[in-house]
Structure formats: C-alpha cells, structure tokens
Amino acid sequence: MEVPWALPGIGFTLLFEILVLQLSREMSVAGVGEVTGEQANRIWRILGHYVERARRWVDLSGFRFLGMDEFSLRKGHVYMMSFSDLEAFRVIYLGESRRKEVVEEFVGDLRGRGADLGQIEPVCCHMWDPYLHGLWNNVCQAQVVFDRFPIMH
C-alpha cells in the first residue's frame, strides 16, 4: 500500500530512509543491512534514489577543468573511472570500467544535465588510448594534460 510519507515504489518510510542515509555515511552497505535487518539490494535502492536526486541539484554551469582517473575495485582488473571537476574538488560522474565508451557515457550524462562541453578547457588524464579516443570524439576543443605519475613510473 502506498502511503504519503514514503517514496512511491520504495516501500520504506521517510524516517527509515533517513536512518539508512545516516548510517551509510559511517559504514558499508553490508553494515547498514546488518543494523537494519534489510537486504543490501534494498539499501542500494534507497541510496540510488537519493544520489540521483542530489545529482540533479548540482550546478555545472562553471565546470571547466576536467580530471579523469580510474581506480581498481578489486583484484582481477575490475575498474571504475571517476570524472572530477578539478576546480570545485568534486566528483561529477563515476563510470563502470575504463573503456572509451565510459567517456561517451560521461559526455551523455553532462549533456543531459545541461553542461556546456565547449567550456571544458584542460583535461588531466593518463596517456591511454581509450581516454584519448573518448576525448577526441567528444570534447575535441579541450587541451589534454597528461598525469605525470604514470609517465614517471
């Protein structure tokens, strides 16, 4: 039964969602599940809703300096890519894997959020073909600055 104090389709009260959000700031989703007695996929559904809601509020009108990097989730070459606003010190997109298609997904996300791709000036990233191809195909006006750490090592 849908009730006015809960989000449609979520199945939790607003107070429970607030509890989940507060606990998630301090512990893993598995830990939140143990404390609340809920399954991780239901916790992720709550978190996903509020993350998307918060992303809609982010003002990208002054976004100019892009940083791209990948990080490993676990052994076996399972990666995610982060796209950051280097001037505002914030992550603006996370993509699964480190393929050039992730750069295209990021660009599509920016367009959908009303960002002006033409104002992106420098991009700092690794000297790696999938990054460069994704940039050349989508943000060709930007000057690419290579991250010095991988070059030096």
N, C-alpha and C. Protein backbone atom coordinates (compact mmCIF):
# COMPACT_ATOMS: atom_id res chain seq x y z
N MET A 1 0.83 -1.17 0.00
CA MET A 1 0.00 0.00 0.00
C MET A 1 0.89 1.25 0.00
N GLU A 2 0.59 2.15 -0.89
CA GLU A 2 1.33 3.41 -0.95
C GLU A 2 0.82 4.34 0.14
N VAL A 3 1.75 4.99 0.82
CA VAL A 3 1.39 5.94 1.87
C VAL A 3 2.06 7.27 1.58
N PRO A 4 1.48 8.38 2.04
CA PRO A 4 2.02 9.70 1.69
C PRO A 4 3.39 10.01 2.30
N TRP A 5 3.82 9.26 3.31
CA TRP A 5 5.10 9.57 3.95
C TRP A 5 6.23 8.66 3.46
N ALA A 6 6.02 8.02 2.31
CA ALA A 6 7.05 7.16 1.73
C ALA A 6 7.16 7.44 0.23
N LEU A 7 8.33 7.23 -0.33
CA LEU A 7 8.50 7.39 -1.78
C LEU A 7 7.77 6.28 -2.51
N PRO A 8 7.12 6.58 -3.62
CA PRO A 8 6.41 5.55 -4.37
C PRO A 8 7.37 4.45 -4.84
N GLY A 9 6.99 3.22 -4.61
CA GLY A 9 7.76 2.08 -5.09
C GLY A 9 8.95 1.68 -4.25
N ILE A 10 9.34 2.47 -3.27
CA ILE A 10 10.50 2.14 -2.44
C ILE A 10 10.10 1.18 -1.32
N GLY A 11 8.97 1.43 -0.68
CA GLY A 11 8.49 0.52 0.35
C GLY A 11 9.01 0.81 1.74
N PHE A 12 9.63 1.97 1.95
CA PHE A 12 10.12 2.34 3.27
C PHE A 12 9.56 3.70 3.66
N THR A 13 9.49 3.94 4.95
CA THR A 13 9.08 5.26 5.41
C THR A 13 10.24 6.23 5.26
N LEU A 14 9.91 7.49 5.25
CA LEU A 14 10.92 8.53 5.15
C LEU A 14 11.90 8.46 6.32
N LEU A 15 11.40 8.17 7.51
CA LEU A 15 12.29 8.08 8.68
C LEU A 15 13.29 6.93 8.53
N PHE A 16 12.85 5.80 7.97
CA PHE A 16 13.77 4.70 7.76
C PHE A 16 14.81 5.07 6.71
N GLU A 17 14.39 5.76 5.66
CA GLU A 17 15.34 6.20 4.63
C GLU A 17 16.39 7.13 5.22
N ILE A 18 15.97 8.03 6.09
CA ILE A 18 16.92 8.93 6.75
C ILE A 18 17.90 8.14 7.60
N LEU A 19 17.41 7.14 8.30
CA LEU A 19 18.29 6.27 9.08
C LEU A 19 19.33 5.60 8.18
N VAL A 20 18.89 5.06 7.07
CA VAL A 20 19.80 4.41 6.12
C VAL A 20 20.84 5.40 5.61
N LEU A 21 20.42 6.61 5.25
CA LEU A 21 21.35 7.61 4.76
C LEU A 21 22.39 7.98 5.81
N GLN A 22 21.95 8.15 7.04
CA GLN A 22 22.88 8.49 8.12
C GLN A 22 23.86 7.36 8.40
N LEU A 23 23.37 6.15 8.47
CA LEU A 23 24.25 5.00 8.71
C LEU A 23 25.24 4.81 7.56
N SER A 24 24.78 5.08 6.33
CA SER A 24 25.64 4.89 5.15
C SER A 24 26.81 5.85 5.13
N ARG A 25 26.70 6.94 5.84
CA ARG A 25 27.82 7.88 5.93
C ARG A 25 28.95 7.31 6.77
N GLU A 26 28.64 6.34 7.63
CA GLU A 26 29.61 5.83 8.59
C GLU A 26 30.02 4.38 8.38
N MET A 27 29.27 3.65 7.56
CA MET A 27 29.57 2.22 7.41
C MET A 27 29.20 1.73 6.02
N SER A 28 29.61 0.53 5.72
CA SER A 28 29.33 -0.07 4.41
C SER A 28 27.85 -0.43 4.29
N VAL A 29 27.44 -0.71 3.06
CA VAL A 29 26.05 -1.13 2.83
C VAL A 29 25.78 -2.44 3.56
N ALA A 30 26.75 -3.33 3.59
CA ALA A 30 26.58 -4.59 4.33
C ALA A 30 26.36 -4.31 5.81
N GLY A 31 27.11 -3.36 6.36
CA GLY A 31 26.94 -2.99 7.76
C GLY A 31 25.57 -2.39 8.03
N VAL A 32 25.10 -1.53 7.12
CA VAL A 32 23.77 -0.94 7.26
C VAL A 32 22.73 -2.05 7.22
N GLY A 33 22.92 -3.01 6.35
CA GLY A 33 21.99 -4.13 6.26
C GLY A 33 21.93 -4.94 7.55
N GLU A 34 23.08 -5.13 8.16
CA GLU A 34 23.11 -5.86 9.44
C GLU A 34 22.38 -5.10 10.54
N VAL A 35 22.61 -3.80 10.61
CA VAL A 35 21.99 -2.98 11.66
C VAL A 35 20.48 -2.91 11.46
N THR A 36 20.04 -2.75 10.21
CA THR A 36 18.61 -2.55 9.94
C THR A 36 17.85 -3.83 9.66
N GLY A 37 18.57 -4.92 9.38
CA GLY A 37 17.90 -6.17 9.04
C GLY A 37 17.38 -6.20 7.62
N GLU A 38 17.89 -5.31 6.76
CA GLU A 38 17.45 -5.24 5.36
C GLU A 38 18.51 -5.81 4.43
N GLN A 39 18.07 -6.26 3.27
CA GLN A 39 18.98 -6.78 2.25
C GLN A 39 19.73 -5.63 1.58
N ALA A 40 20.96 -5.92 1.15
CA ALA A 40 21.81 -4.90 0.55
C ALA A 40 21.16 -4.27 -0.69
N ASN A 41 20.49 -5.08 -1.51
CA ASN A 41 19.91 -4.50 -2.74
C ASN A 41 18.81 -3.49 -2.42
N ARG A 42 18.10 -3.67 -1.32
CA ARG A 42 17.09 -2.69 -0.92
C ARG A 42 17.74 -1.41 -0.37
N ILE A 43 18.85 -1.58 0.33
CA ILE A 43 19.61 -0.41 0.82
C ILE A 43 20.15 0.37 -0.38
N TRP A 44 20.70 -0.35 -1.37
CA TRP A 44 21.23 0.31 -2.57
C TRP A 44 20.14 1.07 -3.31
N ARG A 45 18.92 0.55 -3.32
CA ARG A 45 17.81 1.23 -4.00
C ARG A 45 17.53 2.59 -3.34
N ILE A 46 17.55 2.61 -2.02
CA ILE A 46 17.36 3.89 -1.30
C ILE A 46 18.50 4.84 -1.64
N LEU A 47 19.74 4.36 -1.54
CA LEU A 47 20.90 5.21 -1.82
C LEU A 47 20.88 5.72 -3.26
N GLY A 48 20.54 4.84 -4.20
CA GLY A 48 20.48 5.24 -5.60
C GLY A 48 19.49 6.36 -5.84
N HIS A 49 18.34 6.28 -5.18
CA HIS A 49 17.34 7.34 -5.33
C HIS A 49 17.89 8.68 -4.88
N TYR A 50 18.51 8.72 -3.72
CA TYR A 50 18.99 10.00 -3.18
C TYR A 50 20.24 10.50 -3.89
N VAL A 51 21.06 9.61 -4.38
CA VAL A 51 22.23 10.06 -5.16
C VAL A 51 21.76 10.71 -6.45
N GLU A 52 20.82 10.10 -7.16
CA GLU A 52 20.30 10.70 -8.39
C GLU A 52 19.61 12.03 -8.12
N ARG A 53 18.89 12.09 -7.03
CA ARG A 53 18.22 13.34 -6.66
C ARG A 53 19.25 14.44 -6.40
N ALA A 54 20.31 14.12 -5.69
CA ALA A 54 21.37 15.10 -5.40
C ALA A 54 22.10 15.52 -6.67
N ARG A 55 22.31 14.58 -7.59
CA ARG A 55 23.00 14.91 -8.85
C ARG A 55 22.22 15.93 -9.67
N ARG A 56 20.90 15.88 -9.61
CA ARG A 56 20.09 16.84 -10.36
C ARG A 56 20.27 18.27 -9.84
N TRP A 57 20.64 18.43 -8.58
CA TRP A 57 20.80 19.75 -7.98
C TRP A 57 22.18 20.37 -8.23
N VAL A 58 23.12 19.57 -8.72
CA VAL A 58 24.49 20.08 -8.90
C VAL A 58 24.53 21.07 -10.07
N ASP A 59 25.06 22.24 -9.82
CA ASP A 59 25.19 23.28 -10.84
C ASP A 59 26.51 23.06 -11.58
N LEU A 60 26.43 22.75 -12.86
CA LEU A 60 27.62 22.51 -13.67
C LEU A 60 27.91 23.67 -14.61
N SER A 61 27.29 24.81 -14.39
CA SER A 61 27.46 25.93 -15.31
C SER A 61 28.90 26.46 -15.35
N GLY A 62 29.63 26.36 -14.25
CA GLY A 62 31.01 26.84 -14.23
C GLY A 62 32.05 25.75 -14.41
N PHE A 63 31.62 24.56 -14.77
CA PHE A 63 32.54 23.42 -14.90
C PHE A 63 33.46 23.63 -16.09
N ARG A 64 34.79 23.71 -15.82
CA ARG A 64 35.77 23.95 -16.89
C ARG A 64 36.96 23.00 -16.86
N PHE A 65 37.37 22.55 -15.67
CA PHE A 65 38.59 21.75 -15.54
C PHE A 65 38.25 20.31 -15.20
N LEU A 66 38.48 19.41 -16.15
CA LEU A 66 38.11 18.00 -16.02
C LEU A 66 39.31 17.15 -15.65
N GLY A 67 39.14 16.31 -14.67
CA GLY A 67 40.13 15.31 -14.31
C GLY A 67 39.53 13.93 -14.47
N MET A 68 40.27 13.03 -15.10
CA MET A 68 39.80 11.66 -15.32
C MET A 68 40.82 10.70 -14.72
N ASP A 69 40.34 9.69 -14.02
CA ASP A 69 41.23 8.68 -13.46
C ASP A 69 40.45 7.40 -13.25
N GLU A 70 41.16 6.32 -13.11
CA GLU A 70 40.50 5.05 -12.82
C GLU A 70 40.99 4.54 -11.49
N PHE A 71 40.20 3.68 -10.90
CA PHE A 71 40.61 3.02 -9.67
C PHE A 71 40.10 1.58 -9.70
N SER A 72 40.84 0.71 -9.03
CA SER A 72 40.50 -0.70 -9.02
C SER A 72 39.54 -0.99 -7.88
N LEU A 73 38.50 -1.75 -8.20
CA LEU A 73 37.55 -2.15 -7.17
C LEU A 73 38.05 -3.37 -6.41
N ARG A 74 38.67 -4.26 -7.12
CA ARG A 74 39.21 -5.49 -6.52
C ARG A 74 40.17 -6.11 -7.51
N LYS A 75 40.84 -7.15 -7.09
CA LYS A 75 41.78 -7.83 -7.98
C LYS A 75 41.05 -8.41 -9.18
N GLY A 76 41.76 -8.58 -10.27
CA GLY A 76 41.15 -9.12 -11.47
C GLY A 76 40.80 -8.06 -12.48
N HIS A 77 41.41 -6.90 -12.36
CA HIS A 77 41.21 -5.80 -13.31
C HIS A 77 39.76 -5.37 -13.43
N VAL A 78 39.12 -5.15 -12.30
CA VAL A 78 37.77 -4.60 -12.26
C VAL A 78 37.92 -3.14 -11.87
N TYR A 79 37.63 -2.24 -12.83
CA TYR A 79 37.89 -0.83 -12.64
C TYR A 79 36.63 0.02 -12.71
N MET A 80 36.74 1.21 -12.13
CA MET A 80 35.77 2.27 -12.33
C MET A 80 36.55 3.51 -12.72
N MET A 81 35.89 4.42 -13.41
CA MET A 81 36.50 5.69 -13.78
C MET A 81 35.79 6.81 -13.06
N SER A 82 36.58 7.75 -12.57
CA SER A 82 35.99 8.94 -11.95
C SER A 82 36.28 10.14 -12.84
N PHE A 83 35.30 11.01 -12.93
CA PHE A 83 35.39 12.25 -13.68
C PHE A 83 35.15 13.36 -12.67
N SER A 84 36.13 14.26 -12.53
CA SER A 84 36.08 15.25 -11.47
C SER A 84 36.16 16.67 -12.01
N ASP A 85 35.53 17.56 -11.28
CA ASP A 85 35.67 18.99 -11.50
C ASP A 85 36.87 19.40 -10.65
N LEU A 86 38.01 19.63 -11.29
CA LEU A 86 39.24 19.90 -10.56
C LEU A 86 39.24 21.26 -9.88
N GLU A 87 38.42 22.16 -10.34
CA GLU A 87 38.35 23.49 -9.73
C GLU A 87 37.49 23.48 -8.47
N ALA A 88 36.40 22.72 -8.50
CA ALA A 88 35.48 22.66 -7.36
C ALA A 88 35.78 21.48 -6.43
N PHE A 89 36.77 20.65 -6.78
CA PHE A 89 37.17 19.50 -5.96
C PHE A 89 36.00 18.56 -5.68
N ARG A 90 35.32 18.14 -6.76
CA ARG A 90 34.18 17.25 -6.59
C ARG A 90 34.13 16.24 -7.72
N VAL A 91 33.66 15.05 -7.40
CA VAL A 91 33.42 14.03 -8.41
C VAL A 91 32.07 14.33 -9.02
N ILE A 92 32.02 14.33 -10.37
CA ILE A 92 30.74 14.63 -11.01
C ILE A 92 30.16 13.43 -11.75
N TYR A 93 30.99 12.36 -11.92
CA TYR A 93 30.47 11.17 -12.58
C TYR A 93 31.38 10.00 -12.26
N LEU A 94 30.79 8.82 -12.08
CA LEU A 94 31.53 7.57 -11.94
C LEU A 94 31.04 6.61 -13.00
N GLY A 95 31.97 5.98 -13.69
CA GLY A 95 31.61 5.03 -14.73
C GLY A 95 32.19 3.66 -14.45
N GLU A 96 31.47 2.63 -14.84
CA GLU A 96 31.94 1.27 -14.63
C GLU A 96 32.87 0.87 -15.77
N SER A 97 34.06 0.49 -15.45
CA SER A 97 35.16 0.06 -16.33
C SER A 97 35.98 1.27 -16.73
N ARG A 98 36.94 1.05 -17.60
CA ARG A 98 37.80 2.14 -18.07
C ARG A 98 37.91 2.14 -19.59
N ARG A 99 36.84 1.78 -20.26
CA ARG A 99 36.79 1.77 -21.72
C ARG A 99 36.45 3.16 -22.25
N LYS A 100 36.66 3.36 -23.55
CA LYS A 100 36.34 4.66 -24.15
C LYS A 100 34.83 4.93 -24.11
N GLU A 101 34.02 3.89 -24.08
CA GLU A 101 32.57 4.07 -24.00
C GLU A 101 32.16 4.76 -22.71
N VAL A 102 32.95 4.60 -21.66
CA VAL A 102 32.64 5.26 -20.39
C VAL A 102 32.79 6.77 -20.55
N VAL A 103 33.76 7.20 -21.34
CA VAL A 103 33.91 8.64 -21.62
C VAL A 103 32.68 9.13 -22.36
N GLU A 104 32.18 8.34 -23.31
CA GLU A 104 30.98 8.72 -24.05
C GLU A 104 29.75 8.76 -23.13
N GLU A 105 29.66 7.82 -22.18
CA GLU A 105 28.56 7.84 -21.22
C GLU A 105 28.63 9.11 -20.36
N PHE A 106 29.84 9.47 -19.94
CA PHE A 106 30.04 10.68 -19.15
C PHE A 106 29.59 11.91 -19.93
N VAL A 107 29.98 11.99 -21.19
CA VAL A 107 29.60 13.13 -22.03
C VAL A 107 28.08 13.18 -22.18
N GLY A 108 27.45 12.04 -22.39
CA GLY A 108 25.99 12.00 -22.47
C GLY A 108 25.33 12.45 -21.18
N ASP A 109 25.90 12.05 -20.05
CA ASP A 109 25.38 12.47 -18.76
C ASP A 109 25.50 13.99 -18.60
N LEU A 110 26.66 14.55 -18.99
CA LEU A 110 26.84 16.00 -18.91
C LEU A 110 25.82 16.73 -19.77
N ARG A 111 25.64 16.25 -21.00
CA ARG A 111 24.66 16.89 -21.89
C ARG A 111 23.26 16.84 -21.27
N GLY A 112 22.92 15.69 -20.71
CA GLY A 112 21.60 15.53 -20.09
C GLY A 112 21.40 16.43 -18.89
N ARG A 113 22.48 16.86 -18.27
CA ARG A 113 22.41 17.75 -17.10
C ARG A 113 22.61 19.20 -17.49
N GLY A 114 22.67 19.48 -18.79
CA GLY A 114 22.74 20.86 -19.26
C GLY A 114 24.11 21.50 -19.23
N ALA A 115 25.16 20.72 -19.08
CA ALA A 115 26.52 21.28 -19.04
C ALA A 115 26.96 21.66 -20.45
N ASP A 116 27.77 22.69 -20.53
CA ASP A 116 28.33 23.15 -21.80
C ASP A 116 29.69 22.50 -22.01
N LEU A 117 29.77 21.53 -22.91
CA LEU A 117 31.03 20.83 -23.17
C LEU A 117 32.07 21.74 -23.79
N GLY A 118 31.63 22.79 -24.46
CA GLY A 118 32.55 23.71 -25.10
C GLY A 118 33.37 24.53 -24.12
N GLN A 119 32.95 24.61 -22.88
CA GLN A 119 33.71 25.40 -21.91
C GLN A 119 34.76 24.57 -21.18
N ILE A 120 34.82 23.27 -21.43
CA ILE A 120 35.87 22.45 -20.81
C ILE A 120 37.19 22.80 -21.48
N GLU A 121 38.12 23.27 -20.71
CA GLU A 121 39.40 23.73 -21.25
C GLU A 121 40.45 22.64 -21.12
N PRO A 122 41.13 22.51 -19.99
CA PRO A 122 42.08 21.42 -19.89
C PRO A 122 41.42 20.16 -19.34
N VAL A 123 41.96 19.03 -19.76
CA VAL A 123 41.57 17.73 -19.23
C VAL A 123 42.84 17.06 -18.75
N CYS A 124 42.86 16.63 -17.51
CA CYS A 124 44.01 15.92 -16.97
C CYS A 124 43.66 14.45 -16.90
N CYS A 125 44.49 13.62 -17.55
CA CYS A 125 44.22 12.18 -17.56
C CYS A 125 45.51 11.43 -17.86
N HIS A 126 45.41 10.11 -17.81
CA HIS A 126 46.53 9.26 -18.18
C HIS A 126 46.69 9.25 -19.69
N MET A 127 47.88 8.97 -20.15
CA MET A 127 48.15 8.86 -21.58
C MET A 127 47.76 7.43 -22.00
N TRP A 128 46.47 7.23 -22.22
CA TRP A 128 45.96 5.90 -22.53
C TRP A 128 44.93 6.03 -23.64
N ASP A 129 45.05 5.19 -24.65
CA ASP A 129 44.23 5.30 -25.86
C ASP A 129 42.73 5.40 -25.63
N PRO A 130 42.11 4.55 -24.78
CA PRO A 130 40.66 4.70 -24.60
C PRO A 130 40.25 6.07 -24.09
N TYR A 131 41.04 6.67 -23.19
CA TYR A 131 40.74 8.01 -22.71
C TYR A 131 40.85 9.01 -23.85
N LEU A 132 41.95 8.94 -24.57
CA LEU A 132 42.21 9.91 -25.63
C LEU A 132 41.18 9.82 -26.75
N HIS A 133 40.82 8.61 -27.17
CA HIS A 133 39.81 8.45 -28.22
C HIS A 133 38.46 8.99 -27.75
N GLY A 134 38.10 8.68 -26.51
CA GLY A 134 36.83 9.20 -25.99
C GLY A 134 36.82 10.72 -25.94
N LEU A 135 37.95 11.31 -25.58
CA LEU A 135 38.04 12.77 -25.53
C LEU A 135 38.01 13.38 -26.92
N TRP A 136 38.81 12.85 -27.83
CA TRP A 136 38.87 13.39 -29.19
C TRP A 136 37.52 13.33 -29.88
N ASN A 137 36.75 12.29 -29.59
CA ASN A 137 35.44 12.14 -30.23
C ASN A 137 34.37 13.03 -29.61
N ASN A 138 34.59 13.50 -28.38
CA ASN A 138 33.51 14.19 -27.68
C ASN A 138 33.86 15.58 -27.14
N VAL A 139 35.09 15.80 -26.77
CA VAL A 139 35.50 17.08 -26.18
C VAL A 139 36.78 17.52 -26.88
N CYS A 140 36.70 17.63 -28.21
CA CYS A 140 37.90 17.82 -29.02
C CYS A 140 38.58 19.17 -28.82
N GLN A 141 37.86 20.18 -28.32
CA GLN A 141 38.46 21.50 -28.15
C GLN A 141 39.37 21.57 -26.92
N ALA A 142 39.23 20.63 -26.00
CA ALA A 142 39.96 20.70 -24.74
C ALA A 142 41.43 20.32 -24.92
N GLN A 143 42.28 21.04 -24.22
CA GLN A 143 43.70 20.72 -24.19
C GLN A 143 43.89 19.58 -23.19
N VAL A 144 44.62 18.54 -23.59
CA VAL A 144 44.85 17.39 -22.72
C VAL A 144 46.20 17.56 -22.03
N VAL A 145 46.17 17.42 -20.71
CA VAL A 145 47.38 17.47 -19.89
C VAL A 145 47.53 16.09 -19.27
N PHE A 146 48.66 15.46 -19.50
CA PHE A 146 48.84 14.10 -19.00
C PHE A 146 49.26 14.10 -17.54
N ASP A 147 48.67 13.17 -16.81
CA ASP A 147 49.01 12.96 -15.41
C ASP A 147 50.47 12.50 -15.35
N ARG A 148 51.28 13.17 -14.59
CA ARG A 148 52.72 12.88 -14.61
C ARG A 148 53.09 11.60 -13.88
N PHE A 149 52.28 11.16 -12.91
CA PHE A 149 52.65 9.98 -12.14
C PHE A 149 52.87 8.74 -13.00
N PRO A 150 51.93 8.37 -13.89
CA PRO A 150 52.18 7.18 -14.72
C PRO A 150 53.33 7.37 -15.71
N ILE A 151 53.57 8.60 -16.13
CA ILE A 151 54.66 8.86 -17.08
C ILE A 151 56.00 8.64 -16.39
N MET A 152 56.11 9.06 -15.14
CA MET A 152 57.36 8.95 -14.39
C MET A 152 57.64 7.52 -13.94
N HIS A 153 56.61 6.71 -13.80
CA HIS A 153 56.80 5.35 -13.30
C HIS A 153 56.59 4.41 -14.40
